[in-house]
Amino acid sequence: MRRVVYRETHSTRAAVSTVAAVLVMGLAGYGLLEAAVHAIGQPAWLIEPQLAAERIVALPAGTPPLLLGASGAVVAMVGLFFLLNAILPGRRARHVLNSAASSSAVVVDDEVIASALARSARLAANVTPEQVMVVVSRRQVIVNLRPTSGVPVAEAAVLAAVQDELSGMSLVPLPEVRVNISTIGVIGA
């Protein structure tokens, strides 16, 4: 069950791995093709392997600095893309509902959790749905509330309602709640 939950809450790296493998295979295949064409005495398709090696060894000579800098930046960005995809966790915007009584697992999208928490905050603050926005991340829930102009909102009541709703969900891991009440109210809501 733990493996299934992990697969549902973390993104796959198959697409990035496939792109990296295709790039390496394409470069290796082209190098092999040029070497084979050179071995049978035919002219090179793009560049002779020996000439390419000599140009790489003597790279700064004869190359405009702008072109050299731009190509270096592109290679660095591609390398950074693959490095970050390899080392970052790659979590999806999902949480697991902890159900200790059963052997099943429930994975819920963060948007669904945000919608339920927004409803609780809206009812506690007595505002319309357009006045509440909830953002759910792995470790934090941020409730942004714009009160009706002239009607005070009890931040403690909103915080308690959202925390009560969260505790009823029993999310793993349980995010901390932060309530932001705007100083600018909504007119005529």
C-alpha atoms as a PDB file:
ATOM      1  CA  MET A   1       0.000   0.000   0.000  1.00  0.00           C
ATOM      2  CA  ARG A   2       2.872   2.375   0.805  1.00  0.00           C
ATOM      3  CA  ARG A   3       4.234   2.003  -2.728  1.00  0.00           C
ATOM      4  CA  VAL A   4       0.869   2.890  -4.269  1.00  0.00           C
ATOM      5  CA  VAL A   5       0.546   5.982  -2.057  1.00  0.00           C
ATOM      6  CA  TYR A   6       4.068   7.064  -3.007  1.00  0.00           C
ATOM      7  CA  ARG A   7       3.285   6.681  -6.706  1.00  0.00           C
ATOM      8  CA  GLU A   8       0.141   8.778  -6.318  1.00  0.00           C
ATOM      9  CA  THR A   9       1.777  11.578  -4.337  1.00  0.00           C
ATOM     10  CA  HIS A  10       5.074  11.867  -6.252  1.00  0.00           C
ATOM     11  CA  SER A  11       5.552  12.637  -9.921  1.00  0.00           C
ATOM     12  CA  THR A  12       7.305  10.264 -12.248  1.00  0.00           C
ATOM     13  CA  ARG A  13      10.588  11.060 -13.892  1.00  0.00           C
ATOM     14  CA  ALA A  14       9.970   8.831 -16.903  1.00  0.00           C
ATOM     15  CA  ALA A  15       9.505  11.676 -19.400  1.00  0.00           C
ATOM     16  CA  VAL A  16      12.715  13.469 -18.389  1.00  0.00           C
ATOM     17  CA  SER A  17      14.627  10.184 -18.354  1.00  0.00           C
ATOM     18  CA  THR A  18      13.318   9.374 -21.821  1.00  0.00           C
ATOM     19  CA  VAL A  19      14.389  12.789 -23.151  1.00  0.00           C
ATOM     20  CA  ALA A  20      17.876  12.336 -21.667  1.00  0.00           C
ATOM     21  CA  ALA A  21      18.170   8.824 -23.111  1.00  0.00           C
ATOM     22  CA  VAL A  22      17.021   9.970 -26.572  1.00  0.00           C
ATOM     23  CA  LEU A  23      19.549  12.830 -26.536  1.00  0.00           C
ATOM     24  CA  VAL A  24      22.419  10.538 -25.544  1.00  0.00           C
ATOM     25  CA  MET A  25      21.372   7.876 -28.085  1.00  0.00           C
ATOM     26  CA  GLY A  26      21.063  10.488 -30.837  1.00  0.00           C
ATOM     27  CA  LEU A  27      24.505  11.942 -30.171  1.00  0.00           C
ATOM     28  CA  ALA A  28      26.073   8.492 -29.876  1.00  0.00           C
ATOM     29  CA  GLY A  29      24.310   7.312 -33.041  1.00  0.00           C
ATOM     30  CA  TYR A  30      25.471  10.364 -34.981  1.00  0.00           C
ATOM     31  CA  GLY A  31      29.049   9.891 -33.739  1.00  0.00           C
ATOM     32  CA  LEU A  32      28.925   6.224 -34.732  1.00  0.00           C
ATOM     33  CA  LEU A  33      27.517   7.103 -38.168  1.00  0.00           C
ATOM     34  CA  GLU A  34      30.232   9.696 -38.831  1.00  0.00           C
ATOM     35  CA  ALA A  35      32.921   7.270 -37.655  1.00  0.00           C
ATOM     36  CA  ALA A  36      31.551   4.511 -39.913  1.00  0.00           C
ATOM     37  CA  VAL A  37      31.346   6.847 -42.913  1.00  0.00           C
ATOM     38  CA  HIS A  38      34.933   7.984 -42.236  1.00  0.00           C
ATOM     39  CA  ALA A  39      36.096   4.352 -41.851  1.00  0.00           C
ATOM     40  CA  ILE A  40      34.860   3.366 -45.328  1.00  0.00           C
ATOM     41  CA  GLY A  41      36.441   6.436 -46.915  1.00  0.00           C
ATOM     42  CA  GLN A  42      33.284   8.400 -47.714  1.00  0.00           C
ATOM     43  CA  PRO A  43      32.925  12.140 -47.072  1.00  0.00           C
ATOM     44  CA  ALA A  44      31.416  13.158 -43.723  1.00  0.00           C
ATOM     45  CA  TRP A  45      27.740  14.094 -43.516  1.00  0.00           C
ATOM     46  CA  LEU A  46      28.256  17.171 -41.351  1.00  0.00           C
ATOM     47  CA  ILE A  47      31.808  17.226 -40.003  1.00  0.00           C
ATOM     48  CA  GLU A  48      34.755  14.838 -39.884  1.00  0.00           C
ATOM     49  CA  PRO A  49      35.184  13.252 -36.437  1.00  0.00           C
ATOM     50  CA  GLN A  50      38.880  14.192 -36.370  1.00  0.00           C
ATOM     51  CA  LEU A  51      38.092  17.802 -37.326  1.00  0.00           C
ATOM     52  CA  ALA A  52      35.338  17.979 -34.717  1.00  0.00           C
ATOM     53  CA  ALA A  53      37.740  16.736 -32.016  1.00  0.00           C
ATOM     54  CA  GLU A  54      40.375  19.288 -33.070  1.00  0.00           C
ATOM     55  CA  ARG A  55      37.820  22.121 -32.956  1.00  0.00           C
ATOM     56  CA  ILE A  56      36.636  21.083 -29.510  1.00  0.00           C
ATOM     57  CA  VAL A  57      40.204  20.998 -28.195  1.00  0.00           C
ATOM     58  CA  ALA A  58      40.977  24.459 -29.646  1.00  0.00           C
ATOM     59  CA  LEU A  59      37.510  25.822 -28.826  1.00  0.00           C
ATOM     60  CA  PRO A  60      38.087  29.416 -27.721  1.00  0.00           C
ATOM     61  CA  ALA A  61      40.257  30.168 -30.755  1.00  0.00           C
ATOM     62  CA  GLY A  62      38.316  31.700 -33.621  1.00  0.00           C
ATOM     63  CA  THR A  63      34.899  31.579 -31.909  1.00  0.00           C
ATOM     64  CA  PRO A  64      33.095  34.865 -31.218  1.00  0.00           C
ATOM     65  CA  PRO A  65      32.759  35.447 -27.459  1.00  0.00           C
ATOM     66  CA  LEU A  66      29.019  36.111 -27.740  1.00  0.00           C
ATOM     67  CA  LEU A  67      28.391  32.782 -29.469  1.00  0.00           C
ATOM     68  CA  LEU A  68      30.623  30.980 -26.996  1.00  0.00           C
ATOM     69  CA  GLY A  69      28.812  32.570 -24.023  1.00  0.00           C
ATOM     70  CA  ALA A  70      25.356  31.866 -25.462  1.00  0.00           C
ATOM     71  CA  SER A  71      26.120  28.227 -26.196  1.00  0.00           C
ATOM     72  CA  GLY A  72      27.673  27.834 -22.732  1.00  0.00           C
ATOM     73  CA  ALA A  73      24.540  29.315 -21.136  1.00  0.00           C
ATOM     74  CA  VAL A  74      22.291  26.942 -23.106  1.00  0.00           C
ATOM     75  CA  VAL A  75      24.367  23.910 -22.096  1.00  0.00           C
ATOM     76  CA  ALA A  76      24.375  25.090 -18.464  1.00  0.00           C
ATOM     77  CA  MET A  77      20.569  25.554 -18.450  1.00  0.00           C
ATOM     78  CA  VAL A  78      19.986  22.096 -19.941  1.00  0.00           C
ATOM     79  CA  GLY A  79      22.347  20.590 -17.373  1.00  0.00           C
ATOM     80  CA  LEU A  80      20.607  22.472 -14.545  1.00  0.00           C
ATOM     81  CA  PHE A  81      17.208  21.246 -15.785  1.00  0.00           C
ATOM     82  CA  PHE A  82      18.315  17.609 -15.702  1.00  0.00           C
ATOM     83  CA  LEU A  83      20.120  18.039 -12.369  1.00  0.00           C
ATOM     84  CA  LEU A  84      17.118  19.626 -10.639  1.00  0.00           C
ATOM     85  CA  ASN A  85      14.786  16.960 -12.012  1.00  0.00           C
ATOM     86  CA  ALA A  86      17.120  14.326 -10.601  1.00  0.00           C
ATOM     87  CA  ILE A  87      17.551  15.704  -7.084  1.00  0.00           C
ATOM     88  CA  LEU A  88      14.277  17.509  -6.261  1.00  0.00           C
ATOM     89  CA  PRO A  89      11.507  15.424  -4.693  1.00  0.00           C
ATOM     90  CA  GLY A  90       8.877  15.948  -7.394  1.00  0.00           C
ATOM     91  CA  ARG A  91       5.817  15.904  -5.188  1.00  0.00           C
ATOM     92  CA  ARG A  92       2.353  16.259  -6.609  1.00  0.00           C
ATOM     93  CA  ALA A  93      -0.222  18.593  -5.071  1.00  0.00           C
ATOM     94  CA  ARG A  94      -1.889  15.804  -3.108  1.00  0.00           C
ATOM     95  CA  HIS A  95      -2.282  14.682   0.492  1.00  0.00           C
ATOM     96  CA  VAL A  96      -3.056  11.320   2.053  1.00  0.00           C
ATOM     97  CA  LEU A  97      -6.014  10.982   4.396  1.00  0.00           C
ATOM     98  CA  ASN A  98      -4.901   8.927   7.379  1.00  0.00           C
ATOM     99  CA  SER A  99      -7.326   6.121   8.064  1.00  0.00           C
ATOM    100  CA  ALA A 100      -5.873   4.019  10.864  1.00  0.00           C
ATOM    101  CA  ALA A 101      -8.966   1.818  11.075  1.00  0.00           C
ATOM    102  CA  SER A 102      -8.749   0.471   7.536  1.00  0.00           C
ATOM    103  CA  SER A 103      -6.073  -0.933   5.273  1.00  0.00           C
ATOM    104  CA  SER A 104      -7.036   1.361   2.410  1.00  0.00           C
ATOM    105  CA  ALA A 105      -5.524   4.702   1.507  1.00  0.00           C
ATOM    106  CA  VAL A 106      -7.275   7.819   0.257  1.00  0.00           C
ATOM    107  CA  VAL A 107      -5.273  10.348  -1.765  1.00  0.00           C
ATOM    108  CA  VAL A 108      -6.917  13.778  -2.125  1.00  0.00           C
ATOM    109  CA  ASP A 109      -5.955  16.590  -4.456  1.00  0.00           C
ATOM    110  CA  ASP A 110      -4.968  19.826  -2.686  1.00  0.00           C
ATOM    111  CA  GLU A 111      -7.641  21.745  -4.621  1.00  0.00           C
ATOM    112  CA  VAL A 112     -10.352  19.608  -3.029  1.00  0.00           C
ATOM    113  CA  ILE A 113      -8.888  20.233   0.420  1.00  0.00           C
ATOM    114  CA  ALA A 114      -8.690  23.971  -0.317  1.00  0.00           C
ATOM    115  CA  SER A 115     -12.326  24.018  -1.379  1.00  0.00           C
ATOM    116  CA  ALA A 116     -13.483  22.339   1.842  1.00  0.00           C
ATOM    117  CA  LEU A 117     -11.350  24.662   3.970  1.00  0.00           C
ATOM    118  CA  ALA A 118     -12.617  27.719   2.072  1.00  0.00           C
ATOM    119  CA  ARG A 119     -16.187  26.671   2.819  1.00  0.00           C
ATOM    120  CA  SER A 120     -15.395  26.359   6.542  1.00  0.00           C
ATOM    121  CA  ALA A 121     -13.628  29.737   6.593  1.00  0.00           C
ATOM    122  CA  ARG A 122     -16.480  31.357   4.665  1.00  0.00           C
ATOM    123  CA  LEU A 123     -19.102  30.058   7.099  1.00  0.00           C
ATOM    124  CA  ALA A 124     -17.059  31.122  10.138  1.00  0.00           C
ATOM    125  CA  ALA A 125     -16.478  34.625   8.725  1.00  0.00           C
ATOM    126  CA  ASN A 126     -19.993  34.988   7.262  1.00  0.00           C
ATOM    127  CA  VAL A 127     -18.735  36.140   3.850  1.00  0.00           C
ATOM    128  CA  THR A 128     -19.393  35.143   0.225  1.00  0.00           C
ATOM    129  CA  PRO A 129     -17.325  32.508  -1.588  1.00  0.00           C
ATOM    130  CA  GLU A 130     -15.581  35.195  -3.673  1.00  0.00           C
ATOM    131  CA  GLN A 131     -14.124  36.742  -0.520  1.00  0.00           C
ATOM    132  CA  VAL A 132     -12.155  33.661   0.555  1.00  0.00           C
ATOM    133  CA  MET A 133      -9.149  32.125  -1.154  1.00  0.00           C
ATOM    134  CA  VAL A 134      -7.302  29.143   0.321  1.00  0.00           C
ATOM    135  CA  VAL A 135      -3.904  27.894  -0.825  1.00  0.00           C
ATOM    136  CA  VAL A 136      -2.848  24.423   0.320  1.00  0.00           C
ATOM    137  CA  SER A 137       0.759  23.305   0.079  1.00  0.00           C
ATOM    138  CA  ARG A 138       2.562  20.348   1.568  1.00  0.00           C
ATOM    139  CA  ARG A 139       3.263  21.952   4.949  1.00  0.00           C
ATOM    140  CA  GLN A 140       1.065  25.045   5.061  1.00  0.00           C
ATOM    141  CA  VAL A 141      -2.495  26.253   4.521  1.00  0.00           C
ATOM    142  CA  ILE A 142      -2.924  29.959   3.829  1.00  0.00           C
ATOM    143  CA  VAL A 143      -6.417  31.415   4.147  1.00  0.00           C
ATOM    144  CA  ASN A 144      -6.778  34.838   2.505  1.00  0.00           C
ATOM    145  CA  LEU A 145     -10.011  36.557   3.519  1.00  0.00           C
ATOM    146  CA  ARG A 146     -11.471  39.885   2.378  1.00  0.00           C
ATOM    147  CA  PRO A 147     -14.196  40.910   4.850  1.00  0.00           C
ATOM    148  CA  THR A 148     -17.326  42.829   4.021  1.00  0.00           C
ATOM    149  CA  SER A 149     -16.715  46.535   4.566  1.00  0.00           C
ATOM    150  CA  GLY A 150     -17.839  47.605   8.035  1.00  0.00           C
ATOM    151  CA  VAL A 151     -18.337  44.045   9.329  1.00  0.00           C
ATOM    152  CA  PRO A 152     -15.519  42.821  11.589  1.00  0.00           C
ATOM    153  CA  VAL A 153     -14.213  39.268  11.193  1.00  0.00           C
ATOM    154  CA  ALA A 154     -12.913  37.272  14.141  1.00  0.00           C
ATOM    155  CA  GLU A 155      -9.597  35.824  13.007  1.00  0.00           C
ATOM    156  CA  ALA A 156      -9.600  33.335  15.889  1.00  0.00           C
ATOM    157  CA  ALA A 157     -12.995  31.950  14.815  1.00  0.00           C
ATOM    158  CA  VAL A 158     -11.831  31.496  11.217  1.00  0.00           C
ATOM    159  CA  LEU A 159      -8.589  29.860  12.373  1.00  0.00           C
ATOM    160  CA  ALA A 160     -10.479  27.515  14.715  1.00  0.00           C
ATOM    161  CA  ALA A 161     -12.960  26.538  11.979  1.00  0.00           C
ATOM    162  CA  VAL A 162     -10.209  25.777   9.479  1.00  0.00           C
ATOM    163  CA  GLN A 163      -8.144  23.836  12.039  1.00  0.00           C
ATOM    164  CA  ASP A 164     -11.239  21.859  13.073  1.00  0.00           C
ATOM    165  CA  GLU A 165     -11.919  20.951   9.432  1.00  0.00           C
ATOM    166  CA  LEU A 166      -8.263  19.944   8.957  1.00  0.00           C
ATOM    167  CA  SER A 167      -8.232  17.772  12.063  1.00  0.00           C
ATOM    168  CA  GLY A 168     -11.358  16.013  10.810  1.00  0.00           C
ATOM    169  CA  MET A 169      -9.574  15.208   7.549  1.00  0.00           C
ATOM    170  CA  SER A 170      -6.507  13.827   9.412  1.00  0.00           C
ATOM    171  CA  LEU A 171      -4.086  14.672   6.626  1.00  0.00           C
ATOM    172  CA  VAL A 172      -0.593  13.214   6.467  1.00  0.00           C
ATOM    173  CA  PRO A 173       1.444  15.411   6.981  1.00  0.00           C
ATOM    174  CA  LEU A 174      -0.802  17.870   8.824  1.00  0.00           C
ATOM    175  CA  PRO A 175      -0.121  21.371   7.463  1.00  0.00           C
ATOM    176  CA  GLU A 176      -0.042  24.446   9.683  1.00  0.00           C
ATOM    177  CA  VAL A 177      -2.731  27.089   9.163  1.00  0.00           C
ATOM    178  CA  ARG A 178      -2.193  30.810   8.622  1.00  0.00           C
ATOM    179  CA  VAL A 179      -5.080  33.263   8.237  1.00  0.00           C
ATOM    180  CA  ASN A 180      -4.584  36.600   6.457  1.00  0.00           C
ATOM    181  CA  ILE A 181      -7.450  39.055   6.794  1.00  0.00           C
ATOM    182  CA  SER A 182      -7.272  41.939   4.347  1.00  0.00           C
ATOM    183  CA  THR A 183      -7.506  45.483   5.657  1.00  0.00           C
ATOM    184  CA  ILE A 184      -9.505  46.497   2.590  1.00  0.00           C
ATOM    185  CA  GLY A 185     -13.090  45.284   2.694  1.00  0.00           C
ATOM    186  CA  VAL A 186     -15.508  44.384  -0.064  1.00  0.00           C
ATOM    187  CA  ILE A 187     -18.332  46.857  -0.589  1.00  0.00           C
ATOM    188  CA  GLY A 188     -21.901  45.608  -0.689  1.00  0.00           C
ATOM    189  CA  ALA A 189     -21.187  41.894  -0.482  1.00  0.00           C
END
